[in-house]
Every structure is written in structure tokens, then in C-alpha cells.
Amino acid sequence: MTEGLVIALRERSVDLTTAYLEGMINRPDNEHLYYATLQNRTLYSFNRGDYLRLHAAYLAEGKNHAGIILANQQRYSLGEQMRRLLKIIAAKSAEEMQNNVEFISYWS
């Protein structure tokens, strides 16, 4: 997540953290999802393929996660990402995000 997006979301009172702030840079994707789940935080990523596989593996193994939001990195400007993420945040509770994957492409 870019610094600009972090700032824009925080200015709109979104409670968030980043891999950088949590010391998770260069950690495997499964550790990111596990950590986000421990913190009860929905994970936002451009890494669609790996997180879809992890989501499927979690469900197959009967494990829970706090939710995943996926985007195509090259497709959306910072402002468009922010608008779509805010729509998801307004529409979905933390409980509704449990074990769920959302694509920002569906939230125009």
C-alpha cells in the first residue's frame, strides 16, 4: 500500500496498518495472512493469485481469516483505490469479511 493511500485513508478515520509498520516486509504471504488474522484485520493486496490460493487453502483446512481485499495494481489510481476501499468498508462489517474475499473491481 502506498504512503499516499495510507494517508488518504487515515484522513478518513480508517484504522489501518502496513506490512512496513508491522515489520513484515519480505515475509511470506502466508505469514502476512496469519498475522492479519491474529490482529483481526482484513488484508489488502495486489497479489491476487497467491492470496486466492491461501484463501482456498484456509477454507479447505477449516482455518479462518479476517478477510482479504484484492486489486490489480496497474488498474487503479490512488484515488480510485481509496473510493472503492471506502465503499467496501461502509458496506461490509468485520464479521461479514470473515473468510471472505472481495475484489475492488466489483465496487465501482
PDB file of N, CA and C in Angstrom:
ATOM      1  N   MET A   1       0.857  -1.169   0.000  1.00  0.00           N
ATOM      2  CA  MET A   1       0.000   0.000   0.000  1.00  0.00           C
ATOM      3  C   MET A   1       0.902   1.231   0.000  1.00  0.00           C
ATOM      4  N   THR A   2       0.611   2.148  -0.887  1.00  0.00           N
ATOM      5  CA  THR A   2       1.446   3.346  -0.981  1.00  0.00           C
ATOM      6  C   THR A   2       1.210   4.278   0.205  1.00  0.00           C
ATOM      7  N   GLU A   3       2.211   5.087   0.478  1.00  0.00           N
ATOM      8  CA  GLU A   3       2.094   6.050   1.574  1.00  0.00           C
ATOM      9  C   GLU A   3       0.933   7.008   1.337  1.00  0.00           C
ATOM     10  N   GLY A   4       0.735   7.397   0.081  1.00  0.00           N
ATOM     11  CA  GLY A   4      -0.371   8.296  -0.238  1.00  0.00           C
ATOM     12  C   GLY A   4      -1.717   7.692   0.089  1.00  0.00           C
ATOM     13  N   LEU A   5      -1.889   6.412  -0.203  1.00  0.00           N
ATOM     14  CA  LEU A   5      -3.155   5.742   0.106  1.00  0.00           C
ATOM     15  C   LEU A   5      -3.335   5.611   1.614  1.00  0.00           C
ATOM     16  N   VAL A   6      -2.271   5.285   2.314  1.00  0.00           N
ATOM     17  CA  VAL A   6      -2.335   5.196   3.780  1.00  0.00           C
ATOM     18  C   VAL A   6      -2.779   6.532   4.368  1.00  0.00           C
ATOM     19  N   ILE A   7      -2.162   7.607   3.921  1.00  0.00           N
ATOM     20  CA  ILE A   7      -2.510   8.939   4.429  1.00  0.00           C
ATOM     21  C   ILE A   7      -3.961   9.275   4.110  1.00  0.00           C
ATOM     22  N   ALA A   8      -4.377   9.027   2.871  1.00  0.00           N
ATOM     23  CA  ALA A   8      -5.753   9.347   2.462  1.00  0.00           C
ATOM     24  C   ALA A   8      -6.772   8.574   3.283  1.00  0.00           C
ATOM     25  N   LEU A   9      -6.522   7.303   3.531  1.00  0.00           N
ATOM     26  CA  LEU A   9      -7.467   6.502   4.318  1.00  0.00           C
ATOM     27  C   LEU A   9      -7.465   6.925   5.785  1.00  0.00           C
ATOM     28  N   ARG A  10      -6.308   7.202   6.327  1.00  0.00           N
ATOM     29  CA  ARG A  10      -6.239   7.649   7.725  1.00  0.00           C
ATOM     30  C   ARG A  10      -6.930   8.990   7.909  1.00  0.00           C
ATOM     31  N   GLU A  11      -6.830   9.875   6.913  1.00  0.00           N
ATOM     32  CA  GLU A  11      -7.535  11.157   6.988  1.00  0.00           C
ATOM     33  C   GLU A  11      -9.045  10.953   7.034  1.00  0.00           C
ATOM     34  N   ARG A  12      -9.491   9.795   6.598  1.00  0.00           N
ATOM     35  CA  ARG A  12     -10.912   9.455   6.618  1.00  0.00           C
ATOM     36  C   ARG A  12     -11.236   8.482   7.753  1.00  0.00           C
ATOM     37  N   SER A  13     -10.376   8.479   8.760  1.00  0.00           N
ATOM     38  CA  SER A  13     -10.567   7.726  10.009  1.00  0.00           C
ATOM     39  C   SER A  13     -10.567   6.215   9.830  1.00  0.00           C
ATOM     40  N   VAL A  14      -9.878   5.722   8.816  1.00  0.00           N
ATOM     41  CA  VAL A  14      -9.753   4.277   8.642  1.00  0.00           C
ATOM     42  C   VAL A  14      -8.596   3.794   9.516  1.00  0.00           C
ATOM     43  N   ASP A  15      -8.886   2.818  10.362  1.00  0.00           N
ATOM     44  CA  ASP A  15      -7.873   2.210  11.223  1.00  0.00           C
ATOM     45  C   ASP A  15      -7.116   1.180  10.387  1.00  0.00           C
ATOM     46  N   LEU A  16      -5.851   1.454  10.117  1.00  0.00           N
ATOM     47  CA  LEU A  16      -5.079   0.533   9.289  1.00  0.00           C
ATOM     48  C   LEU A  16      -3.633   0.508   9.720  1.00  0.00           C
ATOM     49  N   THR A  17      -2.949  -0.507   9.264  1.00  0.00           N
ATOM     50  CA  THR A  17      -1.511  -0.607   9.433  1.00  0.00           C
ATOM     51  C   THR A  17      -0.950  -1.135   8.122  1.00  0.00           C
ATOM     52  N   THR A  18       0.365  -1.208   8.036  1.00  0.00           N
ATOM     53  CA  THR A  18       1.001  -1.690   6.813  1.00  0.00           C
ATOM     54  C   THR A  18       2.032  -2.762   7.155  1.00  0.00           C
ATOM     55  N   ALA A  19       2.410  -3.517   6.151  1.00  0.00           N
ATOM     56  CA  ALA A  19       3.464  -4.521   6.338  1.00  0.00           C
ATOM     57  C   ALA A  19       4.742  -3.853   6.835  1.00  0.00           C
ATOM     58  N   TYR A  20       5.032  -2.683   6.309  1.00  0.00           N
ATOM     59  CA  TYR A  20       6.233  -1.956   6.731  1.00  0.00           C
ATOM     60  C   TYR A  20       6.170  -1.604   8.218  1.00  0.00           C
ATOM     61  N   LEU A  21       5.063  -1.027   8.642  1.00  0.00           N
ATOM     62  CA  LEU A  21       4.920  -0.622  10.042  1.00  0.00           C
ATOM     63  C   LEU A  21       4.952  -1.810  10.993  1.00  0.00           C
ATOM     64  N   GLU A  22       4.500  -2.958  10.522  1.00  0.00           N
ATOM     65  CA  GLU A  22       4.454  -4.157  11.363  1.00  0.00           C
ATOM     66  C   GLU A  22       5.720  -5.005  11.251  1.00  0.00           C
ATOM     67  N   GLY A  23       6.706  -4.537  10.488  1.00  0.00           N
ATOM     68  CA  GLY A  23       7.950  -5.292  10.336  1.00  0.00           C
ATOM     69  C   GLY A  23       7.785  -6.574   9.541  1.00  0.00           C
ATOM     70  N   MET A  24       6.853  -6.570   8.600  1.00  0.00           N
ATOM     71  CA  MET A  24       6.540  -7.780   7.833  1.00  0.00           C
ATOM     72  C   MET A  24       7.066  -7.747   6.396  1.00  0.00           C
ATOM     73  N   ILE A  25       7.817  -6.722   6.027  1.00  0.00           N
ATOM     74  CA  ILE A  25       8.361  -6.648   4.671  1.00  0.00           C
ATOM     75  C   ILE A  25       9.230  -7.885   4.423  1.00  0.00           C
ATOM     76  N   ASN A  26       9.115  -8.446   3.233  1.00  0.00           N
ATOM     77  CA  ASN A  26       9.866  -9.633   2.799  1.00  0.00           C
ATOM     78  C   ASN A  26       9.474 -10.910   3.532  1.00  0.00           C
ATOM     79  N   ARG A  27       8.346 -10.895   4.213  1.00  0.00           N
ATOM     80  CA  ARG A  27       7.840 -12.117   4.848  1.00  0.00           C
ATOM     81  C   ARG A  27       6.919 -12.818   3.859  1.00  0.00           C
ATOM     82  N   PRO A  28       6.796 -14.133   3.945  1.00  0.00           N
ATOM     83  CA  PRO A  28       5.920 -14.867   3.020  1.00  0.00           C
ATOM     84  C   PRO A  28       4.452 -14.460   3.186  1.00  0.00           C
ATOM     85  N   ASP A  29       3.706 -14.610   2.100  1.00  0.00           N
ATOM     86  CA  ASP A  29       2.292 -14.228   2.101  1.00  0.00           C
ATOM     87  C   ASP A  29       1.501 -14.941   3.188  1.00  0.00           C
ATOM     88  N   ASN A  30       1.796 -16.218   3.423  1.00  0.00           N
ATOM     89  CA  ASN A  30       1.042 -16.941   4.450  1.00  0.00           C
ATOM     90  C   ASN A  30       1.251 -16.326   5.831  1.00  0.00           C
ATOM     91  N   GLU A  31       2.433 -15.772   6.083  1.00  0.00           N
ATOM     92  CA  GLU A  31       2.676 -15.101   7.363  1.00  0.00           C
ATOM     93  C   GLU A  31       1.909 -13.784   7.455  1.00  0.00           C
ATOM     94  N   HIS A  32       1.800 -13.086   6.339  1.00  0.00           N
ATOM     95  CA  HIS A  32       1.009 -11.846   6.323  1.00  0.00           C
ATOM     96  C   HIS A  32      -0.450 -12.148   6.665  1.00  0.00           C
ATOM     97  N   LEU A  33      -1.008 -13.176   6.034  1.00  0.00           N
ATOM     98  CA  LEU A  33      -2.414 -13.507   6.285  1.00  0.00           C
ATOM     99  C   LEU A  33      -2.606 -13.988   7.719  1.00  0.00           C
ATOM    100  N   TYR A  34      -1.699 -14.791   8.209  1.00  0.00           N
ATOM    101  CA  TYR A  34      -1.776 -15.266   9.584  1.00  0.00           C
ATOM    102  C   TYR A  34      -1.714 -14.090  10.565  1.00  0.00           C
ATOM    103  N   TYR A  35      -0.773 -13.178  10.348  1.00  0.00           N
ATOM    104  CA  TYR A  35      -0.624 -12.021  11.232  1.00  0.00           C
ATOM    105  C   TYR A  35      -1.862 -11.129  11.182  1.00  0.00           C
ATOM    106  N   ALA A  36      -2.362 -10.876   9.978  1.00  0.00           N
ATOM    107  CA  ALA A  36      -3.574 -10.056   9.847  1.00  0.00           C
ATOM    108  C   ALA A  36      -4.735 -10.705  10.596  1.00  0.00           C
ATOM    109  N   THR A  37      -4.829 -12.014  10.511  1.00  0.00           N
ATOM    110  CA  THR A  37      -5.900 -12.739  11.198  1.00  0.00           C
ATOM    111  C   THR A  37      -5.753 -12.611  12.712  1.00  0.00           C
ATOM    112  N   LEU A  38      -4.538 -12.745  13.214  1.00  0.00           N
ATOM    113  CA  LEU A  38      -4.311 -12.577  14.657  1.00  0.00           C
ATOM    114  C   LEU A  38      -4.728 -11.189  15.129  1.00  0.00           C
ATOM    115  N   GLN A  39      -4.530 -10.184  14.276  1.00  0.00           N
ATOM    116  CA  GLN A  39      -4.882  -8.808  14.601  1.00  0.00           C
ATOM    117  C   GLN A  39      -6.337  -8.483  14.258  1.00  0.00           C
ATOM    118  N   ASN A  40      -7.061  -9.462  13.712  1.00  0.00           N
ATOM    119  CA  ASN A  40      -8.439  -9.289  13.239  1.00  0.00           C
ATOM    120  C   ASN A  40      -8.533  -8.143  12.231  1.00  0.00           C
ATOM    121  N   ARG A  41      -7.595  -8.138  11.292  1.00  0.00           N
ATOM    122  CA  ARG A  41      -7.545  -7.116  10.249  1.00  0.00           C
ATOM    123  C   ARG A  41      -7.729  -7.757   8.884  1.00  0.00           C
ATOM    124  N   THR A  42      -8.523  -7.110   8.066  1.00  0.00           N
ATOM    125  CA  THR A  42      -8.664  -7.526   6.677  1.00  0.00           C
ATOM    126  C   THR A  42      -7.395  -7.127   5.937  1.00  0.00           C
ATOM    127  N   LEU A  43      -6.920  -8.022   5.093  1.00  0.00           N
ATOM    128  CA  LEU A  43      -5.684  -7.793   4.351  1.00  0.00           C
ATOM    129  C   LEU A  43      -6.008  -7.240   2.970  1.00  0.00           C
ATOM    130  N   TYR A  44      -5.282  -6.215   2.538  1.00  0.00           N
ATOM    131  CA  TYR A  44      -5.441  -5.624   1.204  1.00  0.00           C
ATOM    132  C   TYR A  44      -4.170  -5.873   0.419  1.00  0.00           C
ATOM    133  N   SER A  45      -4.310  -6.414  -0.791  1.00  0.00           N
ATOM    134  CA  SER A  45      -3.121  -6.759  -1.572  1.00  0.00           C
ATOM    135  C   SER A  45      -3.394  -6.687  -3.065  1.00  0.00           C
ATOM    136  N   PHE A  46      -2.313  -6.514  -3.816  1.00  0.00           N
ATOM    137  CA  PHE A  46      -2.352  -6.623  -5.270  1.00  0.00           C
ATOM    138  C   PHE A  46      -1.993  -8.044  -5.702  1.00  0.00           C
ATOM    139  N   ASN A  47      -1.579  -8.868  -4.781  1.00  0.00           N
ATOM    140  CA  ASN A  47      -1.118 -10.225  -5.069  1.00  0.00           C
ATOM    141  C   ASN A  47      -2.305 -11.187  -5.140  1.00  0.00           C
ATOM    142  N   ARG A  48      -3.058 -11.066  -6.194  1.00  0.00           N
ATOM    143  CA  ARG A  48      -4.314 -11.804  -6.328  1.00  0.00           C
ATOM    144  C   ARG A  48      -4.118 -13.321  -6.310  1.00  0.00           C
ATOM    145  N   GLY A  49      -3.212 -13.812  -7.113  1.00  0.00           N
ATOM    146  CA  GLY A  49      -3.047 -15.257  -7.254  1.00  0.00           C
ATOM    147  C   GLY A  49      -2.693 -15.949  -5.958  1.00  0.00           C
ATOM    148  N   ASP A  50      -1.678 -15.445  -5.271  1.00  0.00           N
ATOM    149  CA  ASP A  50      -1.234 -16.091  -4.040  1.00  0.00           C
ATOM    150  C   ASP A  50      -2.287 -16.023  -2.943  1.00  0.00           C
ATOM    151  N   TYR A  51      -2.963 -14.880  -2.819  1.00  0.00           N
ATOM    152  CA  TYR A  51      -3.953 -14.777  -1.748  1.00  0.00           C
ATOM    153  C   TYR A  51      -5.229 -15.543  -2.057  1.00  0.00           C
ATOM    154  N   LEU A  52      -5.566 -15.709  -3.318  1.00  0.00           N
ATOM    155  CA  LEU A  52      -6.701 -16.582  -3.647  1.00  0.00           C
ATOM    156  C   LEU A  52      -6.369 -18.026  -3.294  1.00  0.00           C
ATOM    157  N   ARG A  53      -5.136 -18.450  -3.562  1.00  0.00           N
ATOM    158  CA  ARG A  53      -4.718 -19.806  -3.189  1.00  0.00           C
ATOM    159  C   ARG A  53      -4.723 -19.976  -1.672  1.00  0.00           C
ATOM    160  N   LEU A  54      -4.210 -18.977  -0.958  1.00  0.00           N
ATOM    161  CA  LEU A  54      -4.218 -19.061   0.503  1.00  0.00           C
ATOM    162  C   LEU A  54      -5.638 -19.101   1.052  1.00  0.00           C
ATOM    163  N   HIS A  55      -6.524 -18.297   0.488  1.00  0.00           N
ATOM    164  CA  HIS A  55      -7.929 -18.303   0.904  1.00  0.00           C
ATOM    165  C   HIS A  55      -8.518 -19.700   0.729  1.00  0.00           C
ATOM    166  N   ALA A  56      -8.306 -20.305  -0.443  1.00  0.00           N
ATOM    167  CA  ALA A  56      -8.830 -21.649  -0.707  1.00  0.00           C
ATOM    168  C   ALA A  56      -8.226 -22.667   0.260  1.00  0.00           C
ATOM    169  N   ALA A  57      -6.936 -22.553   0.537  1.00  0.00           N
ATOM    170  CA  ALA A  57      -6.284 -23.473   1.467  1.00  0.00           C
ATOM    171  C   ALA A  57      -6.842 -23.312   2.879  1.00  0.00           C
ATOM    172  N   TYR A  58      -7.056 -22.077   3.311  1.00  0.00           N
ATOM    173  CA  TYR A  58      -7.640 -21.841   4.631  1.00  0.00           C
ATOM    174  C   TYR A  58      -9.008 -22.508   4.731  1.00  0.00           C
ATOM    175  N   LEU A  59      -9.844 -22.303   3.726  1.00  0.00           N
ATOM    176  CA  LEU A  59     -11.182 -22.898   3.764  1.00  0.00           C
ATOM    177  C   LEU A  59     -11.106 -24.416   3.762  1.00  0.00           C
ATOM    178  N   ALA A  60     -10.237 -24.986   2.929  1.00  0.00           N
ATOM    179  CA  ALA A  60     -10.103 -26.442   2.841  1.00  0.00           C
ATOM    180  C   ALA A  60      -9.614 -27.044   4.156  1.00  0.00           C
ATOM    181  N   GLU A  61      -8.786 -26.304   4.867  1.00  0.00           N
ATOM    182  CA  GLU A  61      -8.230 -26.777   6.138  1.00  0.00           C
ATOM    183  C   GLU A  61      -9.094 -26.404   7.337  1.00  0.00           C
ATOM    184  N   GLY A  62     -10.216 -25.733   7.103  1.00  0.00           N
ATOM    185  CA  GLY A  62     -11.093 -25.325   8.192  1.00  0.00           C
ATOM    186  C   GLY A  62     -10.523 -24.194   9.034  1.00  0.00           C
ATOM    187  N   LYS A  63      -9.589 -23.436   8.463  1.00  0.00           N
ATOM    188  CA  LYS A  63      -8.992 -22.300   9.167  1.00  0.00           C
ATOM    189  C   LYS A  63      -9.748 -21.031   8.797  1.00  0.00           C
ATOM    190  N   ASN A  64      -9.727 -20.067   9.688  1.00  0.00           N
ATOM    191  CA  ASN A  64     -10.404 -18.790   9.461  1.00  0.00           C
ATOM    192  C   ASN A  64      -9.392 -17.685   9.198  1.00  0.00           C
ATOM    193  N   HIS A  65      -9.828 -16.688   8.449  1.00  0.00           N
ATOM    194  CA  HIS A  65      -9.046 -15.463   8.292  1.00  0.00           C
ATOM    195  C   HIS A  65      -9.998 -14.286   8.392  1.00  0.00           C
ATOM    196  N   ALA A  66      -9.445 -13.091   8.564  1.00  0.00           N
ATOM    197  CA  ALA A  66     -10.257 -11.899   8.823  1.00  0.00           C
ATOM    198  C   ALA A  66     -10.715 -11.187   7.558  1.00  0.00           C
ATOM    199  N   GLY A  67     -10.440 -11.768   6.401  1.00  0.00           N
ATOM    200  CA  GLY A  67     -10.884 -11.191   5.141  1.00  0.00           C
ATOM    201  C   GLY A  67      -9.726 -10.720   4.289  1.00  0.00           C
ATOM    202  N   ILE A  68      -9.964 -10.717   2.985  1.00  0.00           N
ATOM    203  CA  ILE A  68      -8.950 -10.312   2.015  1.00  0.00           C
ATOM    204  C   ILE A  68      -9.620  -9.415   0.983  1.00  0.00           C
ATOM    205  N   ILE A  69      -8.981  -8.307   0.667  1.00  0.00           N
ATOM    206  CA  ILE A  69      -9.427  -7.432  -0.423  1.00  0.00           C
ATOM    207  C   ILE A  69      -8.305  -7.418  -1.453  1.00  0.00           C
ATOM    208  N   LEU A  70      -8.664  -7.682  -2.712  1.00  0.00           N
ATOM    209  CA  LEU A  70      -7.667  -7.792  -3.775  1.00  0.00           C
ATOM    210  C   LEU A  70      -7.914  -6.783  -4.883  1.00  0.00           C
ATOM    211  N   ALA A  71      -6.820  -6.342  -5.493  1.00  0.00           N
ATOM    212  CA  ALA A  71      -6.893  -5.370  -6.587  1.00  0.00           C
ATOM    213  C   ALA A  71      -5.809  -5.667  -7.610  1.00  0.00           C
ATOM    214  N   ASN A  72      -6.025  -5.205  -8.828  1.00  0.00           N
ATOM    215  CA  ASN A  72      -4.978  -5.205  -9.848  1.00  0.00           C
ATOM    216  C   ASN A  72      -4.176  -3.928  -9.675  1.00  0.00           C
ATOM    217  N   GLN A  73      -2.888  -4.050  -9.444  1.00  0.00           N
ATOM    218  CA  GLN A  73      -2.052  -2.891  -9.114  1.00  0.00           C
ATOM    219  C   GLN A  73      -2.041  -1.830 -10.204  1.00  0.00           C
ATOM    220  N   GLN A  74      -1.937  -2.220 -11.437  1.00  0.00           N
ATOM    221  CA  GLN A  74      -1.801  -1.250 -12.514  1.00  0.00           C
ATOM    222  C   GLN A  74      -3.126  -0.639 -12.946  1.00  0.00           C
ATOM    223  N   ARG A  75      -4.215  -1.141 -12.447  1.00  0.00           N
ATOM    224  CA  ARG A  75      -5.521  -0.738 -12.952  1.00  0.00           C
ATOM    225  C   ARG A  75      -6.111   0.492 -12.273  1.00  0.00           C
ATOM    226  N   TYR A  76      -5.795   0.734 -11.014  1.00  0.00           N
ATOM    227  CA  TYR A  76      -6.492   1.760 -10.247  1.00  0.00           C
ATOM    228  C   TYR A  76      -5.550   2.838  -9.731  1.00  0.00           C
ATOM    229  N   SER A  77      -5.972   4.080  -9.889  1.00  0.00           N
ATOM    230  CA  SER A  77      -5.224   5.195  -9.306  1.00  0.00           C
ATOM    231  C   SER A  77      -5.389   5.161  -7.789  1.00  0.00           C
ATOM    232  N   LEU A  78      -4.585   5.952  -7.109  1.00  0.00           N
ATOM    233  CA  LEU A  78      -4.690   6.061  -5.663  1.00  0.00           C
ATOM    234  C   LEU A  78      -6.102   6.477  -5.256  1.00  0.00           C
ATOM    235  N   GLY A  79      -6.636   7.493  -5.920  1.00  0.00           N
ATOM    236  CA  GLY A  79      -7.978   7.974  -5.591  1.00  0.00           C
ATOM    237  C   GLY A  79      -9.045   6.925  -5.824  1.00  0.00           C
ATOM    238  N   GLU A  80      -8.912   6.180  -6.902  1.00  0.00           N
ATOM    239  CA  GLU A  80      -9.896   5.129  -7.202  1.00  0.00           C
ATOM    240  C   GLU A  80      -9.801   3.995  -6.191  1.00  0.00           C
ATOM    241  N   GLN A  81      -8.600   3.613  -5.801  1.00  0.00           N
ATOM    242  CA  GLN A  81      -8.447   2.594  -4.753  1.00  0.00           C
ATOM    243  C   GLN A  81      -9.122   3.063  -3.473  1.00  0.00           C
ATOM    244  N   MET A  82      -8.855   4.310  -3.090  1.00  0.00           N
ATOM    245  CA  MET A  82      -9.424   4.851  -1.862  1.00  0.00           C
ATOM    246  C   MET A  82     -10.949   4.817  -1.912  1.00  0.00           C
ATOM    247  N   ARG A  83     -11.535   5.293  -2.998  1.00  0.00           N
ATOM    248  CA  ARG A  83     -13.003   5.322  -3.103  1.00  0.00           C
ATOM    249  C   ARG A  83     -13.595   3.915  -2.996  1.00  0.00           C
ATOM    250  N   ARG A  84     -12.989   2.981  -3.691  1.00  0.00           N
ATOM    251  CA  ARG A  84     -13.519   1.618  -3.674  1.00  0.00           C
ATOM    252  C   ARG A  84     -13.325   0.952  -2.314  1.00  0.00           C
ATOM    253  N   LEU A  85     -12.176   1.165  -1.696  1.00  0.00           N
ATOM    254  CA  LEU A  85     -11.968   0.614  -0.357  1.00  0.00           C
ATOM    255  C   LEU A  85     -12.956   1.206   0.638  1.00  0.00           C
ATOM    256  N   LEU A  86     -13.206   2.503   0.551  1.00  0.00           N
ATOM    257  CA  LEU A  86     -14.181   3.126   1.453  1.00  0.00           C
ATOM    258  C   LEU A  86     -15.583   2.566   1.238  1.00  0.00           C
ATOM    259  N   LYS A  87     -15.934   2.225   0.010  1.00  0.00           N
ATOM    260  CA  LYS A  87     -17.237   1.602  -0.255  1.00  0.00           C
ATOM    261  C   LYS A  87     -17.333   0.240   0.425  1.00  0.00           C
ATOM    262  N   ILE A  88     -16.262  -0.539   0.328  1.00  0.00           N
ATOM    263  CA  ILE A  88     -16.260  -1.856   0.981  1.00  0.00           C
ATOM    264  C   ILE A  88     -16.372  -1.686   2.490  1.00  0.00           C
ATOM    265  N   ILE A  89     -15.588  -0.766   3.045  1.00  0.00           N
ATOM    266  CA  ILE A  89     -15.609  -0.530   4.492  1.00  0.00           C
ATOM    267  C   ILE A  89     -17.000  -0.112   4.958  1.00  0.00           C
ATOM    268  N   ALA A  90     -17.677   0.714   4.175  1.00  0.00           N
ATOM    269  CA  ALA A  90     -19.023   1.165   4.543  1.00  0.00           C
ATOM    270  C   ALA A  90     -20.056   0.053   4.418  1.00  0.00           C
ATOM    271  N   ALA A  91     -19.840  -0.866   3.499  1.00  0.00           N
ATOM    272  CA  ALA A  91     -20.849  -1.888   3.216  1.00  0.00           C
ATOM    273  C   ALA A  91     -20.667  -3.188   3.994  1.00  0.00           C
ATOM    274  N   LYS A  92     -19.444  -3.501   4.380  1.00  0.00           N
ATOM    275  CA  LYS A  92     -19.155  -4.804   4.991  1.00  0.00           C
ATOM    276  C   LYS A  92     -18.631  -4.629   6.410  1.00  0.00           C
ATOM    277  N   SER A  93     -19.232  -5.335   7.340  1.00  0.00           N
ATOM    278  CA  SER A  93     -18.728  -5.331   8.711  1.00  0.00           C
ATOM    279  C   SER A  93     -17.533  -6.280   8.806  1.00  0.00           C
ATOM    280  N   ALA A  94     -16.815  -6.183   9.909  1.00  0.00           N
ATOM    281  CA  ALA A  94     -15.699  -7.106  10.132  1.00  0.00           C
ATOM    282  C   ALA A  94     -16.192  -8.549  10.116  1.00  0.00           C
ATOM    283  N   GLU A  95     -17.359  -8.783  10.672  1.00  0.00           N
ATOM    284  CA  GLU A  95     -17.926 -10.132  10.687  1.00  0.00           C
ATOM    285  C   GLU A  95     -18.245 -10.611   9.274  1.00  0.00           C
ATOM    286  N   GLU A  96     -18.743  -9.716   8.440  1.00  0.00           N
ATOM    287  CA  GLU A  96     -19.065 -10.087   7.060  1.00  0.00           C
ATOM    288  C   GLU A  96     -17.812 -10.343   6.225  1.00  0.00           C
ATOM    289  N   MET A  97     -16.700  -9.779   6.632  1.00  0.00           N
ATOM    290  CA  MET A  97     -15.452 -10.003   5.899  1.00  0.00           C
ATOM    291  C   MET A  97     -14.771 -11.311   6.289  1.00  0.00           C
ATOM    292  N   GLN A  98     -15.152 -11.889   7.423  1.00  0.00           N
ATOM    293  CA  GLN A  98     -14.530 -13.127   7.870  1.00  0.00           C
ATOM    294  C   GLN A  98     -14.598 -14.185   6.774  1.00  0.00           C
ATOM    295  N   ASN A  99     -13.433 -14.770   6.439  1.00  0.00           N
ATOM    296  CA  ASN A  99     -13.321 -15.838   5.437  1.00  0.00           C
ATOM    297  C   ASN A  99     -13.859 -15.434   4.075  1.00  0.00           C
ATOM    298  N   ASN A 100     -13.842 -14.146   3.790  1.00  0.00           N
ATOM    299  CA  ASN A 100     -14.387 -13.617   2.542  1.00  0.00           C
ATOM    300  C   ASN A 100     -13.279 -12.945   1.738  1.00  0.00           C
ATOM    301  N   VAL A 101     -13.413 -13.012   0.417  1.00  0.00           N
ATOM    302  CA  VAL A 101     -12.519 -12.281  -0.480  1.00  0.00           C
ATOM    303  C   VAL A 101     -13.366 -11.294  -1.263  1.00  0.00           C
ATOM    304  N   GLU A 102     -12.934 -10.045  -1.287  1.00  0.00           N
ATOM    305  CA  GLU A 102     -13.582  -9.015  -2.095  1.00  0.00           C
ATOM    306  C   GLU A 102     -12.579  -8.499  -3.114  1.00  0.00           C
ATOM    307  N   PHE A 103     -13.076  -8.175  -4.296  1.00  0.00           N
ATOM    308  CA  PHE A 103     -12.261  -7.586  -5.347  1.00  0.00           C
ATOM    309  C   PHE A 103     -12.709  -6.140  -5.517  1.00  0.00           C
ATOM    310  N   ILE A 104     -11.772  -5.192  -5.452  1.00  0.00           N
ATOM    311  CA  ILE A 104     -12.200  -3.803  -5.572  1.00  0.00           C
ATOM    312  C   ILE A 104     -12.809  -3.520  -6.939  1.00  0.00           C
ATOM    313  N   SER A 105     -12.540  -4.376  -7.914  1.00  0.00           N
ATOM    314  CA  SER A 105     -13.122  -4.183  -9.248  1.00  0.00           C
ATOM    315  C   SER A 105     -14.648  -4.256  -9.216  1.00  0.00           C
ATOM    316  N   TYR A 106     -15.220  -4.922  -8.228  1.00  0.00           N
ATOM    317  CA  TYR A 106     -16.680  -5.036  -8.116  1.00  0.00           C
ATOM    318  C   TYR A 106     -17.315  -3.836  -7.426  1.00  0.00           C
ATOM    319  N   TRP A 107     -16.512  -2.940  -6.890  1.00  0.00           N
ATOM    320  CA  TRP A 107     -17.009  -1.840  -6.065  1.00  0.00           C
ATOM    321  C   TRP A 107     -16.814  -0.496  -6.753  1.00  0.00           C
ATOM    322  N   SER A 108     -17.435  -0.325  -7.903  1.00  0.00           N
ATOM    323  CA  SER A 108     -17.282   0.940  -8.638  1.00  0.00           C
ATOM    324  C   SER A 108     -18.260   1.991  -8.156  1.00  0.00           C
TER     325      SER A 108
END
